[in-house]
Amino acid sequence: KEYEVAPWGPACAEVARMDGGHFKYDGREGYICIALRWNHTVVPQILLKPTFWIFFSAHIAVRCGYHAGYLLGASDSQSILYISWNYVKVITAMTTFFEVFYTVQCYSRYIKLYETTRDMMGTMWDFCIDVRAHLGRHAQQHARLATRYFIAAVAMFFFDMQVLDRDSLEKTGLLKGWEVEALQGHTRHASPIIILQWCADVVSAGHEKALDKKVPPNVRKGLVDKIFHCRQKQGEVVDIMCLPVPFAYFHLLNTMIVVNLVLWAYGMGITNSIVATPVYFFSALIFMGMMELASQLSDPFGTDEVDFPVHAWMSDYMQLSQRLAEGSIPGEEDRWASVLACEQKLMFQTDCLLPHESVRTLSRNSGYEALTVNSDCDGP
């Protein structure tokens, strides 16, 4: 039995409720305004960690003990309680290098996952356009079913990456009840591939039906290639997620940070400077904040501030996919005959694209006036 994919309104609404997207900021704000921001930062998370306050309490205890007279010899270079900052600089330099390297690796991984994820979602639009152009008129139900399966495979992939309830897919209308039951027992990485296989089978059946209407034989290959491309991108995401920074490196880096914070707590505690405590507070906050941010970047499929707004993305992609699959196109009723009849010589009004008169003047002074068609324009 063939199933229609539309309407997807409930599906888009269900997905959109799950995520609001990334926080957008203005990089032109002043340094102080940005530095004083509290929301959408890692600062609250660090200040809620008991580890941070343990280190800071240790610093306060050393400072109080020093001023109470229990560590008077700590300022004497001949005392066993004395610590030279030349020794501290060694471990600080090593820790800084290791932490920066770790953060760069996590951010590179983050960018790669972003590019692969967006590429996978973009394939949805390509598939919708292609399947409607070649199968929409001659095998409409096959085109609808194949489109629904393709989008369901992408949606299930991200649902499984975030360990969400699969039953939500049935609520969105992307999968029927019997289809969800057919996927029971399969691993979370296998289910999207199985749905893509269903999609490929439907495409093949629809192509066989459309062959009688003189649809080119190579159309099926183009559609199946897009299915393979989607599966390949899913495999890349899984492979990247299965290969984090080795734990031995992560363990060594955490050990270096702990040693560094302990040495700072002691070294800044045995001074008479009033700024030693604020310096230690912010130094520890920055060091621990970088580690927290890097850890969040390493796994962007979750609920952290920097995680991908996958559900908001899926909502946008699903809505446009629905429009591409089911929306009416002006002129398609008569195969563009009426539109072609009134088509004229191309005359573009490029001045309408320039928002201000000063920009238009700059354009003409820059040698772009020759590209502008001198005609009436209702633009700004």
Protein backbone atom coordinates (compact mmCIF):
# COMPACT_ATOMS: atom_id res chain seq x y z
CA LYS A 1 0.00 0.00 0.00
CA GLU A 2 1.27 3.47 -0.86
CA TYR A 3 1.26 6.14 1.84
CA GLU A 4 1.13 9.89 1.36
CA VAL A 5 3.72 12.01 3.12
CA ALA A 6 1.65 15.19 3.49
CA PRO A 7 0.59 16.97 5.58
CA TRP A 8 3.71 17.41 7.71
CA GLY A 9 2.48 20.36 9.76
CA PRO A 10 2.26 18.36 13.03
CA ALA A 11 5.68 16.88 12.35
CA CYS A 12 7.33 20.28 11.99
CA ALA A 13 5.59 21.63 15.08
CA GLU A 14 6.59 18.61 17.15
CA VAL A 15 10.23 18.95 16.15
CA ALA A 16 10.34 22.73 16.55
CA ARG A 17 9.27 22.52 20.19
CA MET A 18 12.39 20.58 21.10
CA ASP A 19 15.01 23.23 20.50
CA GLY A 20 15.29 26.98 20.08
CA GLY A 21 18.63 27.20 18.30
CA HIS A 22 21.97 28.82 18.99
CA PHE A 23 22.42 32.12 20.80
CA LYS A 24 23.21 34.89 18.31
CA TYR A 25 25.56 37.58 19.52
CA ASP A 26 26.92 40.83 18.11
CA GLY A 27 30.70 40.72 17.87
CA ARG A 28 30.80 44.51 17.63
CA GLU A 29 29.75 44.96 21.26
CA GLY A 30 32.35 46.34 23.62
CA TYR A 31 34.82 44.05 25.39
CA ILE A 32 33.37 44.88 28.79
CA CYS A 33 29.76 44.27 27.72
CA ILE A 34 30.64 40.85 26.33
CA ALA A 35 32.88 39.93 29.28
CA LEU A 36 30.11 40.75 31.76
CA ARG A 37 27.57 38.48 30.10
CA TRP A 38 26.32 35.64 32.26
CA ASN A 39 23.81 33.75 30.17
CA HIS A 40 24.93 31.52 27.30
CA THR A 41 28.41 31.10 28.77
CA VAL A 42 30.29 28.35 30.63
CA VAL A 43 30.77 30.59 33.69
CA PRO A 44 27.61 29.44 35.53
CA GLN A 45 28.51 25.81 34.91
CA ILE A 46 32.01 26.27 36.32
CA LEU A 47 30.76 28.13 39.39
CA LEU A 48 28.33 25.28 40.08
CA LYS A 49 31.12 22.71 40.09
CA PRO A 50 32.26 21.68 43.61
CA THR A 51 35.78 21.17 42.21
CA PHE A 52 36.17 24.87 41.51
CA TRP A 53 35.24 25.83 45.06
CA ILE A 54 37.49 23.14 46.51
CA PHE A 55 40.49 24.69 44.76
CA PHE A 56 39.42 28.20 45.71
CA SER A 57 38.85 27.19 49.34
CA ALA A 58 42.34 25.66 49.39
CA HIS A 59 43.74 28.99 48.21
CA ILE A 60 41.81 30.89 50.90
CA ALA A 61 43.02 28.43 53.55
CA VAL A 62 46.66 28.90 52.50
CA ARG A 63 46.24 32.67 52.46
CA CYS A 64 44.62 32.75 55.88
CA GLY A 65 47.26 30.41 57.29
CA TYR A 66 50.05 32.56 55.89
CA HIS A 67 48.66 35.78 57.38
CA ALA A 68 47.92 34.01 60.67
CA GLY A 69 51.60 33.18 61.05
CA TYR A 70 51.49 29.45 60.34
CA LEU A 71 53.42 29.76 57.07
CA LEU A 72 55.83 32.63 57.81
CA GLY A 73 58.79 30.79 56.35
CA ALA A 74 57.04 30.37 53.02
CA SER A 75 58.40 33.71 51.78
CA ASP A 76 62.00 32.79 52.60
CA SER A 77 63.83 31.24 49.67
CA GLN A 78 65.80 29.05 52.08
CA SER A 79 62.66 27.58 53.69
CA ILE A 80 61.22 24.22 52.74
CA LEU A 81 57.82 25.93 52.45
CA TYR A 82 59.07 28.31 49.77
CA ILE A 83 57.99 27.80 46.17
CA SER A 84 59.69 29.55 43.27
CA TRP A 85 57.52 30.86 40.47
CA ASN A 86 60.18 29.68 38.04
CA TYR A 87 59.12 26.14 38.91
CA VAL A 88 55.45 27.00 38.53
CA LYS A 89 56.04 28.56 35.11
CA VAL A 90 57.21 25.21 33.74
CA ILE A 91 54.04 23.31 34.57
CA THR A 92 51.88 26.33 33.63
CA ALA A 93 53.46 26.58 30.17
CA MET A 94 53.05 22.85 29.57
CA THR A 95 49.44 22.88 30.77
CA THR A 96 48.58 25.89 28.59
CA PHE A 97 50.01 24.23 25.50
CA PHE A 98 48.26 20.92 26.16
CA GLU A 99 44.93 22.62 26.88
CA VAL A 100 45.07 24.85 23.79
CA PHE A 101 45.94 21.84 21.64
CA TYR A 102 43.02 19.87 23.11
CA THR A 103 40.61 22.77 22.55
CA VAL A 104 41.74 23.18 18.94
CA GLN A 105 41.25 19.47 18.29
CA CYS A 106 37.76 19.56 19.80
CA TYR A 107 36.82 22.63 17.77
CA SER A 108 38.11 21.05 14.56
CA ARG A 109 36.01 18.00 15.34
CA TYR A 110 33.06 20.33 16.02
CA ILE A 111 33.43 22.05 12.63
CA LYS A 112 33.73 18.71 10.82
CA LEU A 113 30.58 17.42 12.48
CA TYR A 114 28.77 20.64 11.60
CA GLU A 115 29.74 20.46 7.93
CA THR A 116 28.81 16.78 7.68
CA THR A 117 25.49 17.28 9.46
CA ARG A 118 24.45 20.20 7.29
CA ASP A 119 25.53 18.34 4.15
CA MET A 120 23.35 15.41 5.16
CA MET A 121 20.36 17.66 5.73
CA GLY A 122 20.95 19.52 2.47
CA THR A 123 20.70 16.22 0.63
CA MET A 124 17.06 16.10 1.75
CA TRP A 125 16.26 19.11 -0.43
CA ASP A 126 18.20 17.71 -3.37
CA PHE A 127 16.30 14.44 -3.10
CA CYS A 128 12.91 16.19 -2.85
CA ILE A 129 13.60 18.28 -5.95
CA ASP A 130 14.95 15.34 -7.92
CA VAL A 131 12.27 12.81 -7.03
CA ARG A 132 9.45 15.25 -7.75
CA ALA A 133 10.96 16.37 -11.05
CA HIS A 134 11.32 12.83 -12.37
CA LEU A 135 8.68 10.75 -10.56
CA GLY A 136 6.17 13.33 -9.32
CA ARG A 137 3.93 13.29 -12.39
CA HIS A 138 4.16 9.62 -13.28
CA ALA A 139 4.52 7.94 -9.85
CA GLN A 140 3.35 10.51 -7.35
CA GLN A 141 2.62 8.12 -4.50
CA HIS A 142 6.03 6.49 -4.88
CA ALA A 143 7.63 9.93 -4.82
CA ARG A 144 5.75 10.84 -1.65
CA LEU A 145 6.59 7.61 0.12
CA ALA A 146 10.26 7.79 -0.89
CA THR A 147 10.45 11.39 0.34
CA ARG A 148 8.91 10.48 3.70
CA TYR A 149 11.31 7.58 4.15
CA PHE A 150 14.31 9.74 3.28
CA ILE A 151 13.38 12.42 5.81
CA ALA A 152 12.47 9.79 8.42
CA ALA A 153 15.93 8.21 8.04
CA VAL A 154 17.64 11.54 8.71
CA ALA A 155 15.34 12.35 11.61
CA MET A 156 15.80 8.94 13.24
CA PHE A 157 19.56 9.26 12.89
CA PHE A 158 19.59 12.45 14.93
CA PHE A 159 17.02 11.10 17.39
CA ASP A 160 19.33 8.16 18.04
CA MET A 161 22.42 10.37 18.27
CA GLN A 162 20.73 12.30 21.08
CA VAL A 163 19.27 9.10 22.61
CA LEU A 164 15.69 10.33 22.29
CA ASP A 165 12.52 8.26 22.32
CA ARG A 166 11.88 6.70 18.92
CA ASP A 167 8.14 6.78 19.50
CA SER A 168 8.29 10.52 18.88
CA LEU A 169 8.85 9.79 15.19
CA GLU A 170 5.45 8.13 15.03
CA LYS A 171 3.89 11.24 16.58
CA THR A 172 5.48 13.44 13.93
CA GLY A 173 3.95 11.35 11.17
CA LEU A 174 7.27 10.45 9.61
CA LEU A 175 6.80 6.76 10.42
CA LYS A 176 3.69 4.63 10.70
CA GLY A 177 3.03 2.32 13.61
CA TRP A 178 3.90 -0.86 11.69
CA GLU A 179 7.11 0.75 10.45
CA VAL A 180 8.22 1.56 14.00
CA GLU A 181 7.48 -2.03 15.01
CA ALA A 182 9.51 -3.34 12.05
CA LEU A 183 12.52 -1.40 13.35
CA GLN A 184 12.30 -2.83 16.88
CA GLY A 185 15.32 -4.89 17.81
CA HIS A 186 17.71 -3.12 15.45
CA THR A 187 20.59 -1.04 16.79
CA ARG A 188 20.31 2.74 16.75
CA HIS A 189 22.88 3.00 13.96
CA ALA A 190 21.24 0.32 11.81
CA SER A 191 17.68 1.68 11.82
CA PRO A 192 18.35 4.78 9.65
CA ILE A 193 20.16 2.60 7.11
CA ILE A 194 17.22 0.20 6.96
CA ILE A 195 14.84 3.11 6.30
CA LEU A 196 17.14 4.32 3.52
CA GLN A 197 16.93 0.83 2.04
CA TRP A 198 13.14 1.12 2.06
CA CYS A 199 13.52 4.47 0.33
CA ALA A 200 15.73 2.94 -2.37
CA ASP A 201 13.24 0.11 -2.96
CA VAL A 202 10.37 2.59 -3.34
CA VAL A 203 12.44 4.66 -5.77
CA SER A 204 13.14 1.56 -7.85
CA ALA A 205 9.47 0.62 -7.91
CA GLY A 206 8.44 4.15 -8.84
CA HIS A 207 11.05 4.29 -11.58
CA GLU A 208 9.80 1.03 -13.07
CA LYS A 209 6.30 2.48 -13.15
CA ALA A 210 7.53 5.73 -14.71
CA LEU A 211 9.56 3.97 -17.42
CA ASP A 212 6.37 3.58 -19.41
CA LYS A 213 6.18 7.40 -19.51
CA LYS A 214 9.63 7.66 -21.12
CA VAL A 215 11.45 8.64 -17.93
CA PRO A 216 15.22 8.30 -18.55
CA PRO A 217 16.70 5.04 -17.21
CA ASN A 218 19.53 6.85 -15.40
CA VAL A 219 17.10 8.73 -13.16
CA ARG A 220 17.08 5.87 -10.67
CA LYS A 221 20.87 6.00 -10.34
CA GLY A 222 20.79 9.71 -9.56
CA LEU A 223 18.18 9.23 -6.83
CA VAL A 224 19.91 6.19 -5.33
CA ASP A 225 23.22 8.09 -5.34
CA LYS A 226 21.65 10.71 -3.08
CA ILE A 227 20.51 7.93 -0.74
CA PHE A 228 24.05 6.55 -0.68
CA HIS A 229 25.42 10.04 -0.03
CA CYS A 230 23.14 10.43 2.97
CA ARG A 231 24.21 7.05 4.34
CA GLN A 232 27.86 7.97 3.83
CA LYS A 233 27.46 11.21 5.80
CA GLN A 234 25.71 9.34 8.60
CA GLY A 235 28.64 6.94 8.70
CA GLU A 236 31.10 9.83 8.89
CA VAL A 237 29.28 11.33 11.87
CA VAL A 238 29.25 7.99 13.66
CA ASP A 239 32.95 7.41 12.94
CA ILE A 240 33.91 10.85 14.26
CA MET A 241 31.84 10.40 17.41
CA CYS A 242 33.41 6.97 18.02
CA LEU A 243 36.92 8.43 17.89
CA PRO A 244 37.33 11.10 20.60
CA VAL A 245 40.64 12.37 21.91
CA PRO A 246 42.30 9.34 23.58
CA PHE A 247 41.54 9.07 27.28
CA ALA A 248 45.25 8.83 28.11
CA TYR A 249 45.72 12.36 26.76
CA PHE A 250 42.55 13.60 28.47
CA HIS A 251 43.68 12.05 31.78
CA LEU A 252 47.14 13.58 31.51
CA LEU A 253 45.68 17.00 30.73
CA ASN A 254 43.33 16.86 33.72
CA THR A 255 46.23 15.85 35.96
CA MET A 256 48.28 18.81 34.74
CA ILE A 257 45.39 21.19 35.40
CA VAL A 258 44.93 19.86 38.93
CA VAL A 259 48.65 20.19 39.69
CA ASN A 260 48.70 23.66 38.16
CA LEU A 261 45.71 24.88 40.19
CA VAL A 262 47.20 23.47 43.39
CA LEU A 263 50.51 25.23 42.79
CA TRP A 264 48.70 28.47 42.00
CA ALA A 265 46.57 28.15 45.14
CA TYR A 266 49.69 27.84 47.26
CA GLY A 267 51.91 30.30 45.39
CA MET A 268 49.31 33.09 45.28
CA GLY A 269 48.30 32.39 48.86
CA ILE A 270 51.71 33.14 50.42
CA THR A 271 51.86 36.73 49.19
CA ASN A 272 50.82 40.04 50.74
CA SER A 273 49.24 41.35 47.55
CA ILE A 274 45.51 42.06 47.75
CA VAL A 275 45.02 41.16 44.08
CA ALA A 276 46.38 37.62 44.48
CA THR A 277 42.99 36.14 45.37
CA PRO A 278 41.05 37.78 42.47
CA VAL A 279 43.84 36.73 40.08
CA TYR A 280 43.61 33.13 41.29
CA PHE A 281 39.81 33.16 41.05
CA PHE A 282 39.74 34.27 37.42
CA SER A 283 42.75 32.17 36.42
CA ALA A 284 41.09 29.02 37.74
CA LEU A 285 37.80 30.07 36.14
CA ILE A 286 39.46 30.49 32.74
CA PHE A 287 41.46 27.25 32.91
CA MET A 288 38.48 25.17 33.98
CA GLY A 289 36.16 27.04 31.61
CA MET A 290 38.32 26.17 28.61
CA MET A 291 38.21 22.51 29.56
CA GLU A 292 34.45 22.62 30.01
CA LEU A 293 33.96 24.34 26.65
CA ALA A 294 36.24 21.87 24.86
CA SER A 295 34.35 18.94 26.37
CA GLN A 296 31.06 20.38 25.13
CA LEU A 297 32.46 20.95 21.64
CA SER A 298 33.61 17.34 21.44
CA ASP A 299 29.99 16.08 21.57
CA PRO A 300 27.60 18.59 19.95
CA PHE A 301 24.57 16.28 20.02
CA GLY A 302 23.00 17.10 23.37
CA THR A 303 21.52 19.95 25.37
CA ASP A 304 24.61 22.05 26.08
CA GLU A 305 24.69 25.69 25.04
CA VAL A 306 27.08 25.06 22.13
CA ASP A 307 25.37 21.90 20.90
CA PHE A 308 23.81 21.84 17.47
CA PRO A 309 20.14 22.93 17.39
CA VAL A 310 19.36 19.78 15.43
CA HIS A 311 15.64 19.88 16.10
CA ALA A 312 15.32 23.49 14.95
CA TRP A 313 17.32 22.59 11.84
CA MET A 314 15.12 19.57 11.17
CA SER A 315 12.01 21.71 11.54
CA ASP A 316 13.28 24.17 8.92
CA TYR A 317 14.39 21.43 6.54
CA MET A 318 11.16 19.48 6.94
CA GLN A 319 8.99 22.50 6.25
CA LEU A 320 10.84 23.36 3.04
CA SER A 321 10.95 19.67 2.06
CA GLN A 322 7.18 19.58 2.40
CA ARG A 323 6.95 22.66 0.19
CA LEU A 324 9.24 21.10 -2.40
CA ALA A 325 7.35 17.82 -2.39
CA GLU A 326 3.75 19.02 -2.21
CA GLY A 327 3.68 22.73 -3.04
CA SER A 328 2.03 23.92 -6.20
CA ILE A 329 4.24 25.49 -8.86
CA PRO A 330 2.82 28.31 -11.02
CA GLY A 331 2.65 27.11 -14.58
CA GLU A 332 2.94 23.39 -13.96
CA GLU A 333 -0.69 22.75 -14.92
CA ASP A 334 -0.02 23.35 -18.61
CA ARG A 335 3.68 22.40 -18.49
CA TRP A 336 4.75 26.08 -18.42
CA ALA A 337 3.06 26.91 -21.72
CA SER A 338 1.34 30.08 -20.41
CA VAL A 339 4.48 31.24 -18.63
CA LEU A 340 6.69 30.64 -21.65
CA ALA A 341 4.29 32.55 -23.87
CA CYS A 342 4.80 35.79 -21.97
CA GLU A 343 8.53 35.39 -21.29
CA GLN A 344 10.59 38.28 -22.69
CA LYS A 345 14.19 39.32 -23.11
CA LEU A 346 16.06 39.35 -19.79
CA MET A 347 16.17 42.84 -18.27
CA PHE A 348 17.40 42.94 -14.67
CA GLN A 349 17.04 46.02 -12.47
CA THR A 350 20.18 45.73 -10.39
CA ASP A 351 19.79 49.19 -8.83
CA CYS A 352 16.93 47.79 -6.78
CA LEU A 353 19.40 45.56 -4.97
CA LEU A 354 21.39 48.51 -3.57
CA PRO A 355 19.84 49.65 -0.26
CA HIS A 356 21.12 53.26 -0.03
CA GLU A 357 21.84 56.08 -2.44
CA SER A 358 25.38 56.31 -1.08
CA VAL A 359 25.92 52.66 -1.95
CA ARG A 360 24.61 53.24 -5.48
CA THR A 361 27.02 56.13 -5.90
CA LEU A 362 29.87 53.96 -4.67
CA SER A 363 28.80 51.26 -7.11
CA ARG A 364 28.88 53.67 -10.04
CA ASN A 365 32.22 55.09 -8.93
CA SER A 366 33.60 51.57 -8.70
CA GLY A 367 32.79 50.80 -12.31
CA TYR A 368 29.56 48.86 -11.81
CA GLU A 369 27.30 51.38 -13.54
CA ALA A 370 27.57 49.48 -16.80
CA LEU A 371 25.89 46.49 -15.17
CA THR A 372 22.83 48.50 -14.14
CA VAL A 373 19.80 48.55 -16.41
CA ASN A 374 18.37 52.09 -16.50
CA SER A 375 14.68 51.39 -16.01
CA ASP A 376 11.93 52.27 -13.61
CA CYS A 377 12.32 50.63 -10.22
CA ASP A 378 10.06 50.53 -7.21
CA GLY A 379 12.89 49.52 -4.91
CA PRO A 380 14.56 51.74 -2.32
